[in-house]
Amino acid sequence: MQGRKILLTAFAGLAATAALLGFRGHAARPSPPSSSPSAPPPAEPLVPESEAPAGPLSPPRFAEEIDVATFQKGNIHTHTNWSDGDHPPQDVYLWYREHGYAFLAITDHNALTDPATFRLLERRRSFVMIPGEEITMTGGGHQVHVNALCTRRTIGGRHFGAAGEALAWAVREVQAQGGVALVNHPNFDWALTARDVPSARGASLLEIFSGHPYVHTDGDEAHQSHEAIWDALLSAGERFAGAAVDDAHYFGAHPQDTLACPGRAWIEVFADVADRKSICAALAAGRLYSSSGVKLRRITVKEDTYAITVAAPSVEVEFIGQGGAVLARVQPGDDKVASYKLRGGEGYVRARITAPNGKRAWTEPVRLAEAPAEPKGPPALLPDLDGGASNPPELTPLVPRAP
């Protein structure tokens, strides 16, 4: 009897230990209903994380924040009589310096202008000369030009079987020197379409407006405008920043609309001071806005809001998104601020500001946080322009026709 009592006590101790160790976490969880008291609870299915039900969508927001109110005005495409301009480099430098520019890149054809030769011109007022060259090539029988900025040696031009080959080669040559590449006037000689420009991937900049009257900035019935090409590329995930340039050749006393004269278009880079390092870094990063005559005071992008502060309130601000769609048209308020708040699905947002006289400014696109990553292959969203097909409605030329 005594032995049986000891055995029962041992079994009771084991049962208590099992309850403490094996079932402590399940004691408070009610068992699911079952048709049989002895049936085991149903197993929870293992769902891969990628297939798990999505939680509530977060509000749309921009992938980066910007707040800049200090700009340095400059031009990154102009010529002297060292190639096909009409005045020597020192006269061209002086024109821009005396007209309030903070920096200038002389970009003669297949010739690098070394600023060190004209260093004395930098000593008065804050004015910086940026090394530059217009790499002048042919591709598939058309003229293809790429500006090399912030480089050290002349690259020169070549002939290629296709426009894309020319672009890719020029960009590689610029990058090999640690420089910044600008794809010039796609519609000059009708050389480039939105299908060609991705071959220049690695270039920081694309001309979207030119003061040169013969480069077809506005396109025509069979060709997109430079700005529409830009939107097509952005919509396909490309990362070119838009630049406005003079492409000036004529510095005579009597400017004419039929001549490529200075002062018609420029960029304003985000830099606190005008020095070569800061300007080249801003160009490489596409940190700038472009203008053909409209001045901006501040650009802010924060969380879900893109805001522009203009210098003169009598302008219209258009916020533009995927495919060149106009998301909103806004008149600045008494504070001279126009803003756009994300609704979701815009892809990217940029601003185009138009004055009553037709002059404009363009800010750079900022993508949404959920936008797709940079493409690794050929773009899939570019319109088919073969055979002179007309532009799709959302990609019609956006820049007013030149007189």
Protein backbone atom coordinates (compact mmCIF):
# COMPACT_ATOMS: atom_id res chain seq x y z
CA MET A 1 0.00 0.00 0.00
CA GLN A 2 2.85 2.31 0.86
CA GLY A 3 4.50 1.56 -2.52
CA ARG A 4 1.30 2.29 -4.42
CA LYS A 5 1.01 5.66 -2.65
CA ILE A 6 4.57 6.57 -3.67
CA LEU A 7 3.82 5.62 -7.32
CA LEU A 8 0.67 7.76 -7.46
CA THR A 9 2.57 10.72 -5.99
CA ALA A 10 5.27 10.36 -8.69
CA PHE A 11 2.70 10.32 -11.51
CA ALA A 12 1.05 13.42 -10.13
CA GLY A 13 4.39 15.25 -10.07
CA LEU A 14 5.12 14.31 -13.68
CA ALA A 15 1.70 15.54 -14.79
CA ALA A 16 2.21 18.87 -13.07
CA THR A 17 5.64 19.29 -14.65
CA ALA A 18 4.21 18.53 -18.11
CA ALA A 19 1.49 21.11 -17.62
CA LEU A 20 4.00 23.76 -16.66
CA LEU A 21 6.48 23.02 -19.46
CA GLY A 22 4.39 21.95 -22.40
CA PHE A 23 1.04 23.69 -22.15
CA ARG A 24 1.64 26.95 -20.34
CA GLY A 25 1.33 29.06 -23.56
CA HIS A 26 -1.88 27.35 -24.74
CA ALA A 27 -3.88 27.45 -21.58
CA ALA A 28 -5.55 30.80 -22.37
CA ARG A 29 -6.21 30.08 -26.09
CA PRO A 30 -9.71 28.69 -26.70
CA SER A 31 -9.77 25.58 -28.86
CA PRO A 32 -11.58 25.91 -32.17
CA PRO A 33 -14.93 24.14 -32.38
CA SER A 34 -14.73 20.55 -33.51
CA SER A 35 -17.25 17.89 -34.45
CA SER A 36 -15.42 15.44 -32.21
CA PRO A 37 -13.98 16.21 -28.77
CA SER A 38 -10.91 14.19 -29.65
CA ALA A 39 -10.18 15.88 -33.06
CA PRO A 40 -6.95 17.97 -33.20
CA PRO A 41 -7.21 21.68 -33.93
CA PRO A 42 -6.86 22.60 -37.66
CA ALA A 43 -3.33 23.54 -38.77
CA GLU A 44 -2.65 27.18 -39.69
CA PRO A 45 -1.58 27.39 -43.38
CA LEU A 46 1.96 28.66 -44.07
CA VAL A 47 1.58 31.60 -46.49
CA PRO A 48 4.75 33.03 -48.09
CA GLU A 49 5.33 36.61 -47.06
CA SER A 50 4.97 37.80 -50.66
CA GLU A 51 1.51 36.22 -50.85
CA ALA A 52 0.27 37.35 -47.47
CA PRO A 53 -2.69 39.72 -47.48
CA ALA A 54 -1.50 43.31 -47.78
CA GLY A 55 -2.15 45.67 -44.96
CA PRO A 56 -3.75 49.08 -45.45
CA LEU A 57 -1.93 51.19 -48.08
CA SER A 58 0.13 54.04 -46.68
CA PRO A 59 -0.59 57.56 -47.96
CA PRO A 60 1.43 58.50 -51.07
CA ARG A 61 4.62 60.42 -50.44
CA PHE A 62 7.64 61.58 -52.36
CA ALA A 63 10.79 59.49 -52.39
CA GLU A 64 12.97 62.49 -51.47
CA GLU A 65 12.68 65.88 -49.80
CA ILE A 66 13.92 69.18 -51.22
CA ASP A 67 14.08 72.64 -49.73
CA VAL A 68 16.23 75.06 -51.70
CA ALA A 69 16.14 78.83 -51.99
CA THR A 70 19.72 79.59 -53.11
CA PHE A 71 20.53 79.16 -56.78
CA GLN A 72 23.47 79.83 -59.10
CA LYS A 73 22.54 80.89 -62.63
CA GLY A 74 24.52 79.49 -65.55
CA ASN A 75 24.64 78.32 -69.15
CA ILE A 76 26.10 74.97 -70.22
CA HIS A 77 25.94 75.22 -74.02
CA THR A 78 27.46 78.06 -76.02
CA HIS A 79 30.04 78.66 -78.76
CA THR A 80 32.92 80.94 -79.73
CA ASN A 81 34.94 81.53 -82.87
CA TRP A 82 37.12 78.61 -81.84
CA SER A 83 34.44 76.59 -83.64
CA ASP A 84 31.33 78.11 -85.25
CA GLY A 85 30.64 81.15 -83.03
CA ASP A 86 31.36 84.73 -84.03
CA HIS A 87 33.32 86.04 -81.01
CA PRO A 88 36.46 84.87 -79.15
CA PRO A 89 36.14 83.07 -75.80
CA GLN A 90 37.09 86.07 -73.70
CA ASP A 91 34.22 88.11 -75.20
CA VAL A 92 31.75 85.29 -74.59
CA TYR A 93 32.87 84.84 -70.98
CA LEU A 94 32.54 88.58 -70.41
CA TRP A 95 29.04 88.72 -71.91
CA TYR A 96 27.73 86.14 -69.44
CA ARG A 97 29.65 87.56 -66.50
CA GLU A 98 28.35 91.08 -67.14
CA HIS A 99 24.77 89.83 -67.51
CA GLY A 100 24.61 88.34 -64.02
CA TYR A 101 25.49 84.70 -64.66
CA ALA A 102 27.39 82.83 -61.96
CA PHE A 103 28.96 80.29 -64.31
CA LEU A 104 29.44 79.36 -67.96
CA ALA A 105 30.63 76.36 -69.93
CA ILE A 106 31.95 77.16 -73.40
CA THR A 107 31.24 74.08 -75.48
CA ASP A 108 32.89 74.43 -78.87
CA HIS A 109 32.68 71.50 -81.26
CA ASN A 110 35.24 68.77 -80.55
CA ALA A 111 37.46 71.20 -78.63
CA LEU A 112 37.76 71.61 -74.87
CA THR A 113 38.12 75.21 -73.75
CA ASP A 114 40.45 75.25 -70.75
CA PRO A 115 39.22 77.89 -68.26
CA ALA A 116 42.78 78.25 -66.92
CA THR A 117 43.63 80.19 -70.07
CA PHE A 118 41.15 82.89 -69.06
CA ARG A 119 41.45 82.64 -65.28
CA LEU A 120 41.76 86.41 -64.78
CA LEU A 121 38.14 86.80 -65.86
CA GLU A 122 37.00 84.95 -62.73
CA ARG A 123 38.49 87.43 -60.30
CA ARG A 124 35.81 90.06 -60.56
CA ARG A 125 32.35 89.30 -59.18
CA SER A 126 31.64 85.69 -58.36
CA PHE A 127 31.95 84.05 -61.78
CA VAL A 128 33.10 80.52 -62.55
CA MET A 129 34.16 79.00 -65.87
CA ILE A 130 33.33 75.31 -66.29
CA PRO A 131 35.31 73.14 -68.74
CA GLY A 132 33.18 72.07 -71.67
CA GLU A 133 33.15 70.53 -75.15
CA GLU A 134 30.41 69.62 -77.60
CA ILE A 135 31.19 66.09 -78.75
CA THR A 136 30.03 66.28 -82.36
CA MET A 137 29.27 62.94 -84.01
CA THR A 138 27.12 61.33 -86.66
CA GLY A 139 24.93 58.32 -86.03
CA GLY A 140 23.03 56.61 -88.80
CA GLY A 141 23.67 59.58 -91.07
CA HIS A 142 22.35 62.18 -88.59
CA GLN A 143 24.16 64.65 -86.36
CA VAL A 144 24.34 63.50 -82.74
CA HIS A 145 25.79 65.87 -80.14
CA VAL A 146 26.63 65.38 -76.46
CA ASN A 147 28.14 68.05 -74.22
CA ALA A 148 31.03 67.00 -71.99
CA LEU A 149 31.04 69.17 -68.86
CA CYS A 150 33.57 69.28 -66.02
CA THR A 151 36.05 67.20 -68.03
CA ARG A 152 39.82 67.58 -68.39
CA ARG A 153 40.74 66.58 -71.95
CA THR A 154 39.28 66.93 -75.44
CA ILE A 155 37.25 63.90 -76.51
CA GLY A 156 36.47 64.73 -80.15
CA GLY A 157 33.86 63.19 -82.44
CA ARG A 158 33.41 60.02 -84.48
CA HIS A 159 31.03 58.45 -87.00
CA PHE A 160 28.72 55.62 -85.96
CA GLY A 161 26.25 53.37 -87.69
CA ALA A 162 23.40 54.30 -85.36
CA ALA A 163 22.46 57.22 -83.13
CA GLY A 164 22.34 55.01 -80.04
CA GLU A 165 25.91 53.86 -80.61
CA ALA A 166 27.08 57.47 -80.77
CA LEU A 167 25.28 58.39 -77.55
CA ALA A 168 26.59 55.39 -75.63
CA TRP A 169 30.19 55.99 -76.73
CA ALA A 170 30.13 59.70 -75.88
CA VAL A 171 28.67 59.11 -72.42
CA ARG A 172 31.30 56.49 -71.65
CA GLU A 173 34.05 58.89 -72.69
CA VAL A 174 32.66 61.65 -70.46
CA GLN A 175 32.26 59.30 -67.51
CA ALA A 176 35.83 58.04 -67.94
CA GLN A 177 36.99 61.57 -67.05
CA GLY A 178 34.57 61.94 -64.17
CA GLY A 179 32.59 64.51 -66.14
CA VAL A 180 28.90 65.27 -66.64
CA ALA A 181 27.16 64.41 -69.92
CA LEU A 182 24.35 66.47 -71.46
CA VAL A 183 22.39 65.01 -74.39
CA ASN A 184 21.91 67.93 -76.77
CA HIS A 185 18.87 68.99 -78.84
CA PRO A 186 17.35 65.61 -79.84
CA ASN A 187 15.43 67.18 -82.72
CA PHE A 188 18.43 68.82 -84.38
CA ASP A 189 18.69 67.11 -87.78
CA TRP A 190 15.80 64.98 -86.41
CA ALA A 191 18.58 62.78 -85.06
CA LEU A 192 17.09 61.33 -81.86
CA THR A 193 13.76 59.96 -80.73
CA ALA A 194 12.64 58.81 -77.31
CA ARG A 195 13.73 55.31 -78.35
CA ASP A 196 17.33 56.43 -78.96
CA VAL A 197 18.00 58.47 -75.84
CA PRO A 198 18.09 55.55 -73.35
CA SER A 199 21.38 54.57 -75.02
CA ALA A 200 22.78 57.63 -73.22
CA ARG A 201 21.91 56.17 -69.82
CA GLY A 202 24.53 57.52 -67.44
CA ALA A 203 24.18 61.05 -68.82
CA SER A 204 22.81 63.36 -66.14
CA LEU A 205 21.09 65.88 -68.37
CA LEU A 206 18.85 66.20 -71.43
CA GLU A 207 18.12 69.43 -73.28
CA ILE A 208 14.40 70.18 -73.02
CA PHE A 209 14.57 73.77 -74.30
CA SER A 210 17.08 75.58 -76.50
CA GLY A 211 17.41 79.19 -77.51
CA HIS A 212 18.79 78.09 -80.89
CA PRO A 213 16.06 78.69 -83.50
CA TYR A 214 17.06 75.75 -85.74
CA VAL A 215 17.00 72.77 -83.38
CA HIS A 216 13.21 72.20 -83.45
CA THR A 217 12.67 72.40 -79.69
CA ASP A 218 8.90 72.30 -80.29
CA GLY A 219 8.93 69.31 -82.65
CA ASP A 220 6.43 69.19 -85.49
CA GLU A 221 3.45 67.14 -86.67
CA ALA A 222 5.58 63.96 -86.88
CA HIS A 223 8.07 64.54 -84.06
CA GLN A 224 7.68 65.08 -80.33
CA SER A 225 8.89 68.26 -78.70
CA HIS A 226 11.98 68.03 -76.53
CA GLU A 227 9.80 68.34 -73.44
CA ALA A 228 7.49 65.54 -74.63
CA ILE A 229 10.51 63.31 -75.29
CA TRP A 230 11.59 64.02 -71.72
CA ASP A 231 8.20 62.97 -70.34
CA ALA A 232 8.23 59.80 -72.43
CA LEU A 233 11.61 58.90 -70.97
CA LEU A 234 10.59 59.73 -67.41
CA SER A 235 7.44 57.66 -67.82
CA ALA A 236 9.61 54.70 -68.82
CA GLY A 237 11.66 55.09 -65.65
CA GLU A 238 14.66 56.96 -67.06
CA ARG A 239 16.44 59.50 -64.85
CA PHE A 240 17.49 62.42 -67.03
CA ALA A 241 17.24 65.93 -65.58
CA GLY A 242 15.89 68.55 -67.97
CA ALA A 243 18.12 71.48 -68.96
CA ALA A 244 17.45 74.72 -70.83
CA VAL A 245 20.36 76.22 -72.78
CA ASP A 246 21.29 79.10 -75.06
CA ASP A 247 23.39 77.24 -77.61
CA ALA A 248 24.47 80.76 -78.51
CA HIS A 249 26.65 81.44 -81.57
CA TYR A 250 26.04 85.12 -82.29
CA PHE A 251 27.10 87.88 -79.91
CA GLY A 252 26.71 90.81 -82.28
CA ALA A 253 25.23 94.16 -81.37
CA HIS A 254 21.84 93.54 -83.01
CA PRO A 255 20.25 90.23 -81.92
CA GLN A 256 17.82 88.68 -84.36
CA ASP A 257 15.19 86.00 -83.88
CA THR A 258 16.74 83.99 -86.69
CA LEU A 259 20.14 83.87 -84.95
CA ALA A 260 21.30 81.84 -81.96
CA CYS A 261 21.82 84.68 -79.48
CA PRO A 262 22.73 84.59 -75.76
CA GLY A 263 20.41 85.10 -72.81
CA ARG A 264 17.43 83.11 -74.06
CA ALA A 265 17.58 80.13 -71.68
CA TRP A 266 19.60 79.00 -68.68
CA ILE A 267 19.71 76.75 -65.63
CA GLU A 268 19.85 77.60 -61.93
CA VAL A 269 21.70 74.96 -59.94
CA PHE A 270 21.15 74.26 -56.25
CA ALA A 271 24.36 75.59 -54.70
CA ASP A 272 25.09 77.97 -51.85
CA VAL A 273 28.22 79.34 -53.52
CA ALA A 274 29.49 79.65 -57.08
CA ASP A 275 32.53 77.41 -57.18
CA ARG A 276 33.52 74.76 -59.68
CA LYS A 277 33.15 71.80 -57.30
CA SER A 278 29.65 72.76 -56.13
CA ILE A 279 28.40 73.49 -59.64
CA CYS A 280 29.75 70.28 -61.16
CA ALA A 281 28.29 68.27 -58.28
CA ALA A 282 24.87 69.88 -58.78
CA LEU A 283 25.00 69.19 -62.53
CA ALA A 284 25.92 65.56 -61.94
CA ALA A 285 23.00 65.12 -59.54
CA GLY A 286 20.51 67.04 -61.68
CA ARG A 287 19.91 69.49 -58.83
CA LEU A 288 18.62 72.47 -60.78
CA TYR A 289 15.70 74.12 -62.47
CA SER A 290 15.58 75.47 -66.02
CA SER A 291 14.22 78.73 -67.39
CA SER A 292 13.56 80.71 -70.54
CA GLY A 293 12.76 83.81 -68.52
CA VAL A 294 10.82 82.92 -65.34
CA LYS A 295 12.50 83.25 -61.95
CA LEU A 296 11.78 80.99 -58.97
CA ARG A 297 12.47 81.87 -55.33
CA ARG A 298 12.10 78.50 -53.63
CA ILE A 299 11.37 74.84 -54.35
CA THR A 300 10.16 72.57 -51.56
CA VAL A 301 9.18 68.92 -51.67
CA LYS A 302 8.17 67.32 -48.39
CA GLU A 303 6.21 64.16 -47.67
CA ASP A 304 3.19 64.53 -50.00
CA THR A 305 3.49 68.18 -51.14
CA TYR A 306 5.42 69.82 -53.99
CA ALA A 307 5.53 73.62 -53.66
CA ILE A 308 6.93 76.38 -55.86
CA THR A 309 7.55 79.96 -54.72
CA VAL A 310 7.70 82.28 -57.72
CA ALA A 311 9.24 85.72 -58.07
CA ALA A 312 6.22 87.22 -59.83
CA PRO A 313 2.68 86.06 -58.99
CA SER A 314 1.22 86.58 -62.48
CA VAL A 315 2.16 83.11 -63.71
CA GLU A 316 0.42 79.77 -64.09
CA VAL A 317 1.97 76.73 -62.46
CA GLU A 318 1.22 73.36 -64.02
CA PHE A 319 2.10 70.22 -62.09
CA ILE A 320 2.86 67.39 -64.48
CA GLY A 321 3.06 63.64 -63.93
CA GLN A 322 3.36 60.30 -65.70
CA GLY A 323 2.99 60.50 -69.47
CA GLY A 324 3.11 64.29 -69.45
CA ALA A 325 -0.37 64.48 -67.90
CA VAL A 326 -1.23 67.85 -66.38
CA LEU A 327 -2.21 67.00 -62.80
CA ALA A 328 -3.24 70.50 -61.77
CA ARG A 329 -3.09 74.13 -62.88
CA VAL A 330 -2.52 76.50 -59.99
CA GLN A 331 -2.35 80.27 -59.65
CA PRO A 332 0.09 81.34 -56.90
CA GLY A 333 -1.54 82.98 -53.91
CA ASP A 334 -0.66 86.23 -52.20
CA ASP A 335 2.38 84.47 -50.75
CA LYS A 336 3.50 83.63 -54.33
CA VAL A 337 3.32 79.92 -53.53
CA ALA A 338 1.69 77.26 -55.69
CA SER A 339 1.53 73.71 -54.37
CA TYR A 340 0.33 70.24 -55.30
CA LYS A 341 -0.61 67.46 -52.88
CA LEU A 342 -0.23 63.85 -53.97
CA ARG A 343 -3.30 61.77 -54.65
CA GLY A 344 -1.39 58.60 -55.54
CA GLY A 345 -0.45 57.06 -58.86
CA GLU A 346 1.30 60.14 -60.30
CA GLY A 347 4.56 58.25 -60.89
CA TYR A 348 6.51 61.51 -60.68
CA VAL A 349 5.69 65.18 -60.32
CA ARG A 350 7.42 68.16 -61.90
CA ALA A 351 6.31 71.74 -62.46
CA ARG A 352 6.11 73.98 -65.51
CA ILE A 353 5.65 77.68 -64.78
CA THR A 354 4.42 79.97 -67.58
CA ALA A 355 4.39 83.77 -67.57
CA PRO A 356 1.90 85.88 -69.56
CA ASN A 357 4.61 86.59 -72.17
CA GLY A 358 5.09 82.86 -72.81
CA LYS A 359 8.41 82.57 -70.95
CA ARG A 360 8.72 79.49 -68.79
CA ALA A 361 10.55 77.64 -66.05
CA TRP A 362 10.73 73.89 -65.50
CA THR A 363 11.52 72.08 -62.27
CA GLU A 364 12.90 68.57 -62.05
CA PRO A 365 10.70 65.51 -61.52
CA VAL A 366 10.48 63.95 -58.07
CA ARG A 367 9.24 60.37 -57.98
CA LEU A 368 6.80 58.84 -55.57
CA ALA A 369 8.18 56.49 -52.96
CA GLU A 370 6.32 53.55 -54.49
CA ALA A 371 7.54 54.31 -58.03
CA PRO A 372 9.41 51.47 -59.79
CA ALA A 373 13.18 51.29 -59.62
CA GLU A 374 15.40 52.49 -62.43
CA PRO A 375 15.03 50.20 -65.46
CA LYS A 376 17.73 47.71 -66.35
CA GLY A 377 16.64 47.02 -69.91
CA PRO A 378 15.09 48.89 -72.85
CA PRO A 379 12.10 51.02 -71.88
CA ALA A 380 8.74 49.39 -72.44
CA LEU A 381 6.47 52.42 -72.23
CA LEU A 382 7.84 54.62 -75.00
CA PRO A 383 5.41 55.46 -77.79
CA ASP A 384 5.97 53.96 -81.24
CA LEU A 385 7.00 56.85 -83.47
CA ASP A 386 8.20 54.78 -86.42
CA GLY A 387 6.91 55.90 -89.77
CA GLY A 388 6.05 59.37 -88.54
CA ALA A 389 3.14 58.27 -86.41
CA SER A 390 1.35 61.04 -84.60
CA ASN A 391 1.99 61.64 -80.91
CA PRO A 392 -0.37 60.02 -78.40
CA PRO A 393 -2.61 62.59 -76.70
CA GLU A 394 -0.66 62.69 -73.43
CA LEU A 395 2.65 63.27 -75.23
CA THR A 396 1.77 66.04 -77.63
CA PRO A 397 4.26 68.94 -77.78
CA LEU A 398 4.06 70.99 -74.60
CA VAL A 399 6.22 73.97 -75.54
CA PRO A 400 4.61 76.80 -77.51
CA ARG A 401 5.70 77.17 -81.12
CA ALA A 402 8.46 79.66 -81.76
CA PRO A 403 7.49 82.61 -83.95
